[in-house]
Structure formats: C-alpha cells, structure tokens
C-alpha cells in the first residue's frame, strides 16, 4: 500500500515502505494505476473515509514524530492533528496505518 498526502496548496507527500523494510517519506505525485497481467491490477484512487486519515481531512498537521532503527533507518512516522494522531509504520515490509 502507498499513501499520498496532499496539502491545501497541492503539494504531495508519498508514504510507503522500501525493499529494506524502512519507511519512505518523500515528495512525489501519485502515479497512474497499472496492469500486472496474471498478478492483477494496481489501482491508484482517492479514498476519503477508508483510512485512519479520514477523521483528519482538512486539518492542520501540528507535529510530526519519527522513529528510526539504527540498522534500517526510519520505521515509523506519527502525525498529530488537533483531532487526533495517525501512525504510519513498516511492519514486515508492509505499510501499516493506525489512529490514536
């Protein structure tokens, strides 16, 4: 799973995991979906109410906290809004989102 966060000015931040299981946070625009033949199709779409970010749409990020592992680098990112927090972390190479 990949997540793109888009701010009020249209700047995009991409959150995903790398092959080394670290958490990647970079500036990039969403790509188009693509076909992987017998493995299926990758869809890139907007999801407004299906992620932990849904309760925070339109809210200002008040704080960002990163966690790192000395051997792999960034492993978690927590964003704090006045309406709560969302944690993005790498779990066995997959992106996991949770809210608090």
PDB file of N, CA and C in Angstrom:
ATOM      1  N   UNK A   1       0.846  -1.165   0.000  1.00  0.00           N
ATOM      2  CA  UNK A   1       0.000   0.000   0.000  1.00  0.00           C
ATOM      3  C   UNK A   1       0.894   1.233   0.000  1.00  0.00           C
ATOM      4  N   UNK A   2       0.470   2.241  -0.726  1.00  0.00           N
ATOM      5  CA  UNK A   2       1.132   3.536  -0.761  1.00  0.00           C
ATOM      6  C   UNK A   2       0.099   4.585  -0.389  1.00  0.00           C
ATOM      7  N   UNK A   3       0.546   5.658   0.248  1.00  0.00           N
ATOM      8  CA  UNK A   3      -0.335   6.759   0.622  1.00  0.00           C
ATOM      9  C   UNK A   3       0.299   8.048   0.132  1.00  0.00           C
ATOM     10  N   UNK A   4      -0.524   8.898  -0.484  1.00  0.00           N
ATOM     11  CA  UNK A   4      -0.081  10.242  -0.838  1.00  0.00           C
ATOM     12  C   UNK A   4      -0.928  11.216  -0.034  1.00  0.00           C
ATOM     13  N   UNK A   5      -0.260  12.098   0.689  1.00  0.00           N
ATOM     14  CA  UNK A   5      -0.938  13.134   1.457  1.00  0.00           C
ATOM     15  C   UNK A   5      -0.822  14.423   0.646  1.00  0.00           C
ATOM     16  N   UNK A   6      -1.948  15.080   0.423  1.00  0.00           N
ATOM     17  CA  UNK A   6      -1.971  16.289  -0.395  1.00  0.00           C
ATOM     18  C   UNK A   6      -2.408  17.455   0.482  1.00  0.00           C
ATOM     19  N   UNK A   7      -1.568  18.494   0.539  1.00  0.00           N
ATOM     20  CA  UNK A   7      -1.911  19.626   1.391  1.00  0.00           C
ATOM     21  C   UNK A   7      -2.788  20.633   0.654  1.00  0.00           C
ATOM     22  N   UNK A   8      -3.173  21.689   1.345  1.00  0.00           N
ATOM     23  CA  UNK A   8      -4.105  22.678   0.790  1.00  0.00           C
ATOM     24  C   UNK A   8      -3.534  23.436  -0.400  1.00  0.00           C
ATOM     25  N   UNK A   9      -2.224  23.370  -0.588  1.00  0.00           N
ATOM     26  CA  UNK A   9      -1.598  24.059  -1.716  1.00  0.00           C
ATOM     27  C   UNK A   9      -1.263  23.103  -2.855  1.00  0.00           C
ATOM     28  N   UNK A  10      -1.630  21.828  -2.706  1.00  0.00           N
ATOM     29  CA  UNK A  10      -1.414  20.841  -3.756  1.00  0.00           C
ATOM     30  C   UNK A  10      -0.092  20.097  -3.681  1.00  0.00           C
ATOM     31  N   UNK A  11       0.742  20.378  -2.685  1.00  0.00           N
ATOM     32  CA  UNK A  11       1.995  19.643  -2.522  1.00  0.00           C
ATOM     33  C   UNK A  11       1.681  18.228  -2.037  1.00  0.00           C
ATOM     34  N   UNK A  12       2.402  17.251  -2.553  1.00  0.00           N
ATOM     35  CA  UNK A  12       2.125  15.859  -2.203  1.00  0.00           C
ATOM     36  C   UNK A  12       3.308  15.217  -1.491  1.00  0.00           C
ATOM     37  N   UNK A  13       2.991  14.407  -0.476  1.00  0.00           N
ATOM     38  CA  UNK A  13       3.985  13.633   0.259  1.00  0.00           C
ATOM     39  C   UNK A  13       3.592  12.172   0.137  1.00  0.00           C
ATOM     40  N   UNK A  14       4.522  11.371  -0.317  1.00  0.00           N
ATOM     41  CA  UNK A  14       4.312   9.942  -0.545  1.00  0.00           C
ATOM     42  C   UNK A  14       4.859   9.169   0.664  1.00  0.00           C
ATOM     43  N   UNK A  15       4.051   8.267   1.219  1.00  0.00           N
ATOM     44  CA  UNK A  15       4.463   7.417   2.338  1.00  0.00           C
ATOM     45  C   UNK A  15       4.321   5.971   1.881  1.00  0.00           C
ATOM     46  N   UNK A  16       5.401   5.206   1.978  1.00  0.00           N
ATOM     47  CA  UNK A  16       5.394   3.804   1.566  1.00  0.00           C
ATOM     48  C   UNK A  16       6.527   3.081   2.284  1.00  0.00           C
ATOM     49  N   UNK A  17       6.761   1.831   1.945  1.00  0.00           N
ATOM     50  CA  UNK A  17       7.873   1.089   2.529  1.00  0.00           C
ATOM     51  C   UNK A  17       8.850   0.707   1.429  1.00  0.00           C
ATOM     52  N   UNK A  18      10.113   0.565   1.823  1.00  0.00           N
ATOM     53  CA  UNK A  18      11.150   0.174   0.881  1.00  0.00           C
ATOM     54  C   UNK A  18      11.444  -1.305   0.942  1.00  0.00           C
ATOM     55  N   UNK A  19      12.242  -1.771   0.010  1.00  0.00           N
ATOM     56  CA  UNK A  19      12.591  -3.193  -0.028  1.00  0.00           C
ATOM     57  C   UNK A  19      13.395  -3.607   1.201  1.00  0.00           C
ATOM     58  N   UNK A  20      14.016  -2.638   1.882  1.00  0.00           N
ATOM     59  CA  UNK A  20      14.767  -2.936   3.105  1.00  0.00           C
ATOM     60  C   UNK A  20      13.904  -2.796   4.350  1.00  0.00           C
ATOM     61  N   UNK A  21      12.564  -2.665   4.158  1.00  0.00           N
ATOM     62  CA  UNK A  21      11.560  -2.585   5.224  1.00  0.00           C
ATOM     63  C   UNK A  21      11.557  -1.266   5.983  1.00  0.00           C
ATOM     64  N   UNK A  22      12.290  -0.270   5.463  1.00  0.00           N
ATOM     65  CA  UNK A  22      12.242   1.040   6.103  1.00  0.00           C
ATOM     66  C   UNK A  22      11.010   1.790   5.597  1.00  0.00           C
ATOM     67  N   UNK A  23      10.642   2.826   6.306  1.00  0.00           N
ATOM     68  CA  UNK A  23       9.515   3.660   5.911  1.00  0.00           C
ATOM     69  C   UNK A  23      10.059   4.788   5.038  1.00  0.00           C
ATOM     70  N   UNK A  24       9.493   4.965   3.872  1.00  0.00           N
ATOM     71  CA  UNK A  24       9.922   6.012   2.943  1.00  0.00           C
ATOM     72  C   UNK A  24       8.912   7.147   2.991  1.00  0.00           C
ATOM     73  N   UNK A  25       9.399   8.360   3.182  1.00  0.00           N
ATOM     74  CA  UNK A  25       8.569   9.566   3.151  1.00  0.00           C
ATOM     75  C   UNK A  25       9.269  10.514   2.201  1.00  0.00           C
ATOM     76  N   UNK A  26       8.614  10.816   1.074  1.00  0.00           N
ATOM     77  CA  UNK A  26       9.246  11.627   0.036  1.00  0.00           C
ATOM     78  C   UNK A  26       8.216  12.500  -0.664  1.00  0.00           C
ATOM     79  N   UNK A  27       8.696  13.510  -1.341  1.00  0.00           N
ATOM     80  CA  UNK A  27       7.832  14.343  -2.151  1.00  0.00           C
ATOM     81  C   UNK A  27       7.705  13.694  -3.523  1.00  0.00           C
ATOM     82  N   UNK A  28       6.492  13.316  -3.893  1.00  0.00           N
ATOM     83  CA  UNK A  28       6.243  12.781  -5.236  1.00  0.00           C
ATOM     84  C   UNK A  28       4.744  12.794  -5.498  1.00  0.00           C
ATOM     85  N   UNK A  29       4.390  12.841  -6.756  1.00  0.00           N
ATOM     86  CA  UNK A  29       2.973  12.874  -7.126  1.00  0.00           C
ATOM     87  C   UNK A  29       2.464  11.447  -7.315  1.00  0.00           C
ATOM     88  N   UNK A  30       1.173  11.218  -7.091  1.00  0.00           N
ATOM     89  CA  UNK A  30       0.608   9.878  -7.316  1.00  0.00           C
ATOM     90  C   UNK A  30       0.793   9.452  -8.770  1.00  0.00           C
ATOM     91  N   UNK A  31       1.144   8.198  -8.958  1.00  0.00           N
ATOM     92  CA  UNK A  31       1.284   7.670 -10.317  1.00  0.00           C
ATOM     93  C   UNK A  31      -0.038   7.074 -10.772  1.00  0.00           C
ATOM     94  N   UNK A  32      -0.115   6.726 -12.013  1.00  0.00           N
ATOM     95  CA  UNK A  32      -1.301   6.073 -12.576  1.00  0.00           C
ATOM     96  C   UNK A  32      -1.309   4.600 -12.183  1.00  0.00           C
ATOM     97  N   UNK A  33      -2.485   3.991 -12.175  1.00  0.00           N
ATOM     98  CA  UNK A  33      -2.586   2.557 -11.958  1.00  0.00           C
ATOM     99  C   UNK A  33      -1.937   1.809 -13.116  1.00  0.00           C
ATOM    100  N   UNK A  34      -1.671   0.532 -12.917  1.00  0.00           N
ATOM    101  CA  UNK A  34      -1.052  -0.244 -13.994  1.00  0.00           C
ATOM    102  C   UNK A  34      -1.452  -1.712 -13.875  1.00  0.00           C
ATOM    103  N   UNK A  35      -1.331  -2.412 -14.996  1.00  0.00           N
ATOM    104  CA  UNK A  35      -1.714  -3.817 -15.102  1.00  0.00           C
ATOM    105  C   UNK A  35      -0.491  -4.692 -14.874  1.00  0.00           C
ATOM    106  N   UNK A  36      -0.636  -5.721 -14.045  1.00  0.00           N
ATOM    107  CA  UNK A  36       0.458  -6.657 -13.776  1.00  0.00           C
ATOM    108  C   UNK A  36       0.125  -8.046 -14.330  1.00  0.00           C
ATOM    109  N   UNK A  37      -0.638  -8.075 -15.422  1.00  0.00           N
ATOM    110  CA  UNK A  37      -1.031  -9.318 -16.102  1.00  0.00           C
ATOM    111  C   UNK A  37      -1.694 -10.290 -15.138  1.00  0.00           C
ATOM    112  N   UNK A  38      -1.165 -11.514 -15.016  1.00  0.00           N
ATOM    113  CA  UNK A  38      -1.813 -12.527 -14.180  1.00  0.00           C
ATOM    114  C   UNK A  38      -1.762 -12.203 -12.690  1.00  0.00           C
ATOM    115  N   UNK A  39      -0.952 -11.242 -12.289  1.00  0.00           N
ATOM    116  CA  UNK A  39      -0.863 -10.855 -10.868  1.00  0.00           C
ATOM    117  C   UNK A  39      -1.913  -9.813 -10.479  1.00  0.00           C
ATOM    118  N   UNK A  40      -2.673  -9.330 -11.455  1.00  0.00           N
ATOM    119  CA  UNK A  40      -3.725  -8.369 -11.147  1.00  0.00           C
ATOM    120  C   UNK A  40      -3.400  -6.964 -11.596  1.00  0.00           C
ATOM    121  N   UNK A  41      -4.152  -6.016 -11.097  1.00  0.00           N
ATOM    122  CA  UNK A  41      -4.009  -4.620 -11.469  1.00  0.00           C
ATOM    123  C   UNK A  41      -3.801  -3.772 -10.221  1.00  0.00           C
ATOM    124  N   UNK A  42      -2.937  -2.795 -10.307  1.00  0.00           N
ATOM    125  CA  UNK A  42      -2.712  -1.844  -9.229  1.00  0.00           C
ATOM    126  C   UNK A  42      -3.564  -0.617  -9.514  1.00  0.00           C
ATOM    127  N   UNK A  43      -4.434  -0.270  -8.579  1.00  0.00           N
ATOM    128  CA  UNK A  43      -5.308   0.892  -8.720  1.00  0.00           C
ATOM    129  C   UNK A  43      -4.808   2.016  -7.819  1.00  0.00           C
ATOM    130  N   UNK A  44      -4.807   3.217  -8.341  1.00  0.00           N
ATOM    131  CA  UNK A  44      -4.461   4.402  -7.553  1.00  0.00           C
ATOM    132  C   UNK A  44      -5.702   5.285  -7.566  1.00  0.00           C
ATOM    133  N   UNK A  45      -6.358   5.379  -6.406  1.00  0.00           N
ATOM    134  CA  UNK A  45      -7.615   6.132  -6.313  1.00  0.00           C
ATOM    135  C   UNK A  45      -7.657   6.930  -5.018  1.00  0.00           C
ATOM    136  N   UNK A  46      -8.571   7.869  -4.959  1.00  0.00           N
ATOM    137  CA  UNK A  46      -8.800   8.619  -3.726  1.00  0.00           C
ATOM    138  C   UNK A  46      -9.654   7.781  -2.788  1.00  0.00           C
ATOM    139  N   UNK A  47      -9.291   7.776  -1.542  1.00  0.00           N
ATOM    140  CA  UNK A  47     -10.120   7.149  -0.513  1.00  0.00           C
ATOM    141  C   UNK A  47     -10.276   8.165   0.603  1.00  0.00           C
ATOM    142  N   UNK A  48     -11.480   8.598   0.821  1.00  0.00           N
ATOM    143  CA  UNK A  48     -11.706   9.642   1.816  1.00  0.00           C
ATOM    144  C   UNK A  48     -12.053   9.087   3.180  1.00  0.00           C
ATOM    145  N   UNK A  49     -12.856   8.054   3.248  1.00  0.00           N
ATOM    146  CA  UNK A  49     -13.311   7.584   4.558  1.00  0.00           C
ATOM    147  C   UNK A  49     -12.842   6.167   4.876  1.00  0.00           C
ATOM    148  N   UNK A  50     -11.848   5.669   4.162  1.00  0.00           N
ATOM    149  CA  UNK A  50     -11.421   4.286   4.357  1.00  0.00           C
ATOM    150  C   UNK A  50     -10.043   4.157   4.996  1.00  0.00           C
ATOM    151  N   UNK A  51      -9.470   5.243   5.500  1.00  0.00           N
ATOM    152  CA  UNK A  51      -8.163   5.180   6.131  1.00  0.00           C
ATOM    153  C   UNK A  51      -8.204   5.915   7.470  1.00  0.00           C
ATOM    154  N   UNK A  52      -7.202   5.696   8.313  1.00  0.00           N
ATOM    155  CA  UNK A  52      -7.133   6.445   9.566  1.00  0.00           C
ATOM    156  C   UNK A  52      -7.004   7.961   9.362  1.00  0.00           C
ATOM    157  N   UNK A  53      -6.655   8.397   8.164  1.00  0.00           N
ATOM    158  CA  UNK A  53      -6.566   9.827   7.889  1.00  0.00           C
ATOM    159  C   UNK A  53      -7.938  10.475   7.698  1.00  0.00           C
ATOM    160  N   UNK A  54      -8.985   9.694   7.523  1.00  0.00           N
ATOM    161  CA  UNK A  54     -10.323  10.221   7.205  1.00  0.00           C
ATOM    162  C   UNK A  54     -10.820  11.244   8.218  1.00  0.00           C
ATOM    163  N   UNK A  55     -10.589  11.015   9.493  1.00  0.00           N
ATOM    164  CA  UNK A  55     -11.067  11.944  10.527  1.00  0.00           C
ATOM    165  C   UNK A  55     -10.284  13.252  10.562  1.00  0.00           C
ATOM    166  N   UNK A  56      -9.213  13.332   9.793  1.00  0.00           N
ATOM    167  CA  UNK A  56      -8.326  14.487   9.864  1.00  0.00           C
ATOM    168  C   UNK A  56      -8.244  15.270   8.551  1.00  0.00           C
ATOM    169  N   UNK A  57      -9.073  14.910   7.573  1.00  0.00           N
ATOM    170  CA  UNK A  57      -9.061  15.626   6.300  1.00  0.00           C
ATOM    171  C   UNK A  57      -9.332  17.105   6.517  1.00  0.00           C
ATOM    172  N   UNK A  58      -8.512  17.945   5.911  1.00  0.00           N
ATOM    173  CA  UNK A  58      -8.675  19.385   6.036  1.00  0.00           C
ATOM    174  C   UNK A  58      -8.065  19.966   7.304  1.00  0.00           C
ATOM    175  N   UNK A  59      -7.520  19.122   8.165  1.00  0.00           N
ATOM    176  CA  UNK A  59      -6.916  19.585   9.426  1.00  0.00           C
ATOM    177  C   UNK A  59      -5.438  19.895   9.227  1.00  0.00           C
ATOM    178  N   UNK A  60      -4.917  20.747  10.066  1.00  0.00           N
ATOM    179  CA  UNK A  60      -3.502  21.113  10.035  1.00  0.00           C
ATOM    180  C   UNK A  60      -2.679  20.110  10.823  1.00  0.00           C
ATOM    181  N   UNK A  61      -1.532  19.705  10.270  1.00  0.00           N
ATOM    182  CA  UNK A  61      -0.602  18.845  10.992  1.00  0.00           C
ATOM    183  C   UNK A  61       0.097  19.720  12.028  1.00  0.00           C
ATOM    184  N   UNK A  62      -0.042  19.370  13.307  1.00  0.00           N
ATOM    185  CA  UNK A  62       0.541  20.159  14.394  1.00  0.00           C
ATOM    186  C   UNK A  62       1.946  19.700  14.764  1.00  0.00           C
ATOM    187  N   UNK A  63       2.208  18.402  14.604  1.00  0.00           N
ATOM    188  CA  UNK A  63       3.521  17.865  14.957  1.00  0.00           C
ATOM    189  C   UNK A  63       3.775  16.583  14.172  1.00  0.00           C
ATOM    190  N   UNK A  64       5.056  16.296  13.968  1.00  0.00           N
ATOM    191  CA  UNK A  64       5.481  15.067  13.295  1.00  0.00           C
ATOM    192  C   UNK A  64       6.583  14.448  14.144  1.00  0.00           C
ATOM    193  N   UNK A  65       6.460  13.163  14.400  1.00  0.00           N
ATOM    194  CA  UNK A  65       7.464  12.440  15.185  1.00  0.00           C
ATOM    195  C   UNK A  65       7.914  11.228  14.379  1.00  0.00           C
ATOM    196  N   UNK A  66       9.228  11.053  14.241  1.00  0.00           N
ATOM    197  CA  UNK A  66       9.785   9.905  13.530  1.00  0.00           C
ATOM    198  C   UNK A  66      10.444   8.947  14.513  1.00  0.00           C
ATOM    199  N   UNK A  67      10.393   7.660  14.167  1.00  0.00           N
ATOM    200  CA  UNK A  67      11.144   6.648  14.907  1.00  0.00           C
ATOM    201  C   UNK A  67      12.073   5.973  13.920  1.00  0.00           C
ATOM    202  N   UNK A  68      13.287   5.694  14.362  1.00  0.00           N
ATOM    203  CA  UNK A  68      14.262   5.070  13.466  1.00  0.00           C
ATOM    204  C   UNK A  68      14.934   3.895  14.147  1.00  0.00           C
ATOM    205  N   UNK A  69      15.385   2.966  13.335  1.00  0.00           N
ATOM    206  CA  UNK A  69      16.163   1.823  13.778  1.00  0.00           C
ATOM    207  C   UNK A  69      17.581   2.047  13.244  1.00  0.00           C
ATOM    208  N   UNK A  70      18.603   1.840  14.058  1.00  0.00           N
ATOM    209  CA  UNK A  70      19.972   2.101  13.596  1.00  0.00           C
ATOM    210  C   UNK A  70      20.367   1.320  12.346  1.00  0.00           C
ATOM    211  N   UNK A  71      19.820   0.132  12.169  1.00  0.00           N
ATOM    212  CA  UNK A  71      20.233  -0.688  11.020  1.00  0.00           C
ATOM    213  C   UNK A  71      19.402  -0.458   9.762  1.00  0.00           C
ATOM    214  N   UNK A  72      18.140  -0.016   9.896  1.00  0.00           N
ATOM    215  CA  UNK A  72      17.301   0.125   8.702  1.00  0.00           C
ATOM    216  C   UNK A  72      16.856   1.554   8.413  1.00  0.00           C
ATOM    217  N   UNK A  73      16.985   2.447   9.366  1.00  0.00           N
ATOM    218  CA  UNK A  73      16.533   3.825   9.145  1.00  0.00           C
ATOM    219  C   UNK A  73      15.136   4.038   9.694  1.00  0.00           C
ATOM    220  N   UNK A  74      14.383   4.946   9.060  1.00  0.00           N
ATOM    221  CA  UNK A  74      13.045   5.314   9.549  1.00  0.00           C
ATOM    222  C   UNK A  74      12.120   4.099   9.527  1.00  0.00           C
ATOM    223  N   UNK A  75      11.439   3.870  10.662  1.00  0.00           N
ATOM    224  CA  UNK A  75      10.489   2.751  10.735  1.00  0.00           C
ATOM    225  C   UNK A  75       9.077   3.213  11.059  1.00  0.00           C
ATOM    226  N   UNK A  76       8.931   4.464  11.535  1.00  0.00           N
ATOM    227  CA  UNK A  76       7.588   4.957  11.864  1.00  0.00           C
ATOM    228  C   UNK A  76       7.541   6.473  11.764  1.00  0.00           C
ATOM    229  N   UNK A  77       6.350   6.964  11.489  1.00  0.00           N
ATOM    230  CA  UNK A  77       6.078   8.393  11.406  1.00  0.00           C
ATOM    231  C   UNK A  77       4.715   8.610  12.040  1.00  0.00           C
ATOM    232  N   UNK A  78       4.648   9.513  13.008  1.00  0.00           N
ATOM    233  CA  UNK A  78       3.371   9.812  13.630  1.00  0.00           C
ATOM    234  C   UNK A  78       3.036  11.275  13.385  1.00  0.00           C
ATOM    235  N   UNK A  79       1.843  11.523  12.834  1.00  0.00           N
ATOM    236  CA  UNK A  79       1.371  12.879  12.559  1.00  0.00           C
ATOM    237  C   UNK A  79       0.291  13.224  13.570  1.00  0.00           C
ATOM    238  N   UNK A  80       0.426  14.389  14.196  1.00  0.00           N
ATOM    239  CA  UNK A  80      -0.527  14.834  15.209  1.00  0.00           C
ATOM    240  C   UNK A  80      -1.365  15.977  14.654  1.00  0.00           C
ATOM    241  N   UNK A  81      -2.671  15.829  14.780  1.00  0.00           N
ATOM    242  CA  UNK A  81      -3.647  16.836  14.388  1.00  0.00           C
ATOM    243  C   UNK A  81      -4.388  17.254  15.654  1.00  0.00           C
ATOM    244  N   UNK A  82      -5.134  18.359  15.623  1.00  0.00           N
ATOM    245  CA  UNK A  82      -5.926  18.710  16.799  1.00  0.00           C
ATOM    246  C   UNK A  82      -7.038  17.693  17.035  1.00  0.00           C
ATOM    247  N   UNK A  83      -7.334  16.869  16.041  1.00  0.00           N
ATOM    248  CA  UNK A  83      -8.391  15.867  16.130  1.00  0.00           C
ATOM    249  C   UNK A  83      -7.873  14.452  16.429  1.00  0.00           C
ATOM    250  N   UNK A  84      -6.571  14.311  16.674  1.00  0.00           N
ATOM    251  CA  UNK A  84      -6.005  13.002  16.973  1.00  0.00           C
ATOM    252  C   UNK A  84      -4.678  12.774  16.281  1.00  0.00           C
ATOM    253  N   UNK A  85      -4.244  11.510  16.244  1.00  0.00           N
ATOM    254  CA  UNK A  85      -2.952  11.162  15.646  1.00  0.00           C
ATOM    255  C   UNK A  85      -3.110  10.001  14.674  1.00  0.00           C
ATOM    256  N   UNK A  86      -2.226   9.973  13.675  1.00  0.00           N
ATOM    257  CA  UNK A  86      -2.139   8.842  12.755  1.00  0.00           C
ATOM    258  C   UNK A  86      -0.695   8.375  12.751  1.00  0.00           C
ATOM    259  N   UNK A  87      -0.529   7.075  12.899  1.00  0.00           N
ATOM    260  CA  UNK A  87       0.803   6.472  12.885  1.00  0.00           C
ATOM    261  C   UNK A  87       0.958   5.666  11.598  1.00  0.00           C
ATOM    262  N   UNK A  88       2.067   5.888  10.919  1.00  0.00           N
ATOM    263  CA  UNK A  88       2.431   5.132   9.720  1.00  0.00           C
ATOM    264  C   UNK A  88       3.682   4.348  10.095  1.00  0.00           C
ATOM    265  N   UNK A  89       3.658   3.026   9.921  1.00  0.00           N
ATOM    266  CA  UNK A  89       4.868   2.271  10.206  1.00  0.00           C
ATOM    267  C   UNK A  89       5.038   1.114   9.249  1.00  0.00           C
ATOM    268  N   UNK A  90       6.248   0.628   9.224  1.00  0.00           N
ATOM    269  CA  UNK A  90       6.587  -0.514   8.386  1.00  0.00           C
ATOM    270  C   UNK A  90       6.513  -1.758   9.254  1.00  0.00           C
ATOM    271  N   UNK A  91       5.692  -2.699   8.835  1.00  0.00           N
ATOM    272  CA  UNK A  91       5.517  -3.945   9.573  1.00  0.00           C
ATOM    273  C   UNK A  91       5.803  -5.088   8.621  1.00  0.00           C
ATOM    274  N   UNK A  92       6.929  -5.733   8.799  1.00  0.00           N
ATOM    275  CA  UNK A  92       7.353  -6.827   7.919  1.00  0.00           C
ATOM    276  C   UNK A  92       7.358  -6.405   6.452  1.00  0.00           C
ATOM    277  N   UNK A  93       7.716  -5.155   6.183  1.00  0.00           N
ATOM    278  CA  UNK A  93       7.809  -4.653   4.817  1.00  0.00           C
ATOM    279  C   UNK A  93       6.526  -4.071   4.272  1.00  0.00           C
ATOM    280  N   UNK A  94       5.434  -4.132   5.018  1.00  0.00           N
ATOM    281  CA  UNK A  94       4.152  -3.556   4.577  1.00  0.00           C
ATOM    282  C   UNK A  94       3.884  -2.252   5.315  1.00  0.00           C
ATOM    283  N   UNK A  95       3.209  -1.321   4.641  1.00  0.00           N
ATOM    284  CA  UNK A  95       2.816  -0.077   5.276  1.00  0.00           C
ATOM    285  C   UNK A  95       1.586  -0.345   6.118  1.00  0.00           C
ATOM    286  N   UNK A  96       1.657   0.072   7.367  1.00  0.00           N
ATOM    287  CA  UNK A  96       0.524  -0.098   8.285  1.00  0.00           C
ATOM    288  C   UNK A  96       0.132   1.286   8.816  1.00  0.00           C
ATOM    289  N   UNK A  97      -1.149   1.598   8.777  1.00  0.00           N
ATOM    290  CA  UNK A  97      -1.685   2.868   9.286  1.00  0.00           C
ATOM    291  C   UNK A  97      -2.580   2.593  10.476  1.00  0.00           C
ATOM    292  N   UNK A  98      -2.454   3.406  11.508  1.00  0.00           N
ATOM    293  CA  UNK A  98      -3.332   3.274  12.668  1.00  0.00           C
ATOM    294  C   UNK A  98      -3.588   4.661  13.247  1.00  0.00           C
ATOM    295  N   UNK A  99      -4.706   4.798  13.956  1.00  0.00           N
ATOM    296  CA  UNK A  99      -5.037   6.082  14.549  1.00  0.00           C
ATOM    297  C   UNK A  99      -5.146   5.963  16.054  1.00  0.00           C
ATOM    298  N   UNK A 100      -4.923   7.085  16.705  1.00  0.00           N
ATOM    299  CA  UNK A 100      -4.991   7.126  18.173  1.00  0.00           C
ATOM    300  C   UNK A 100      -5.887   8.272  18.579  1.00  0.00           C
TER     301      UNK A 100
END
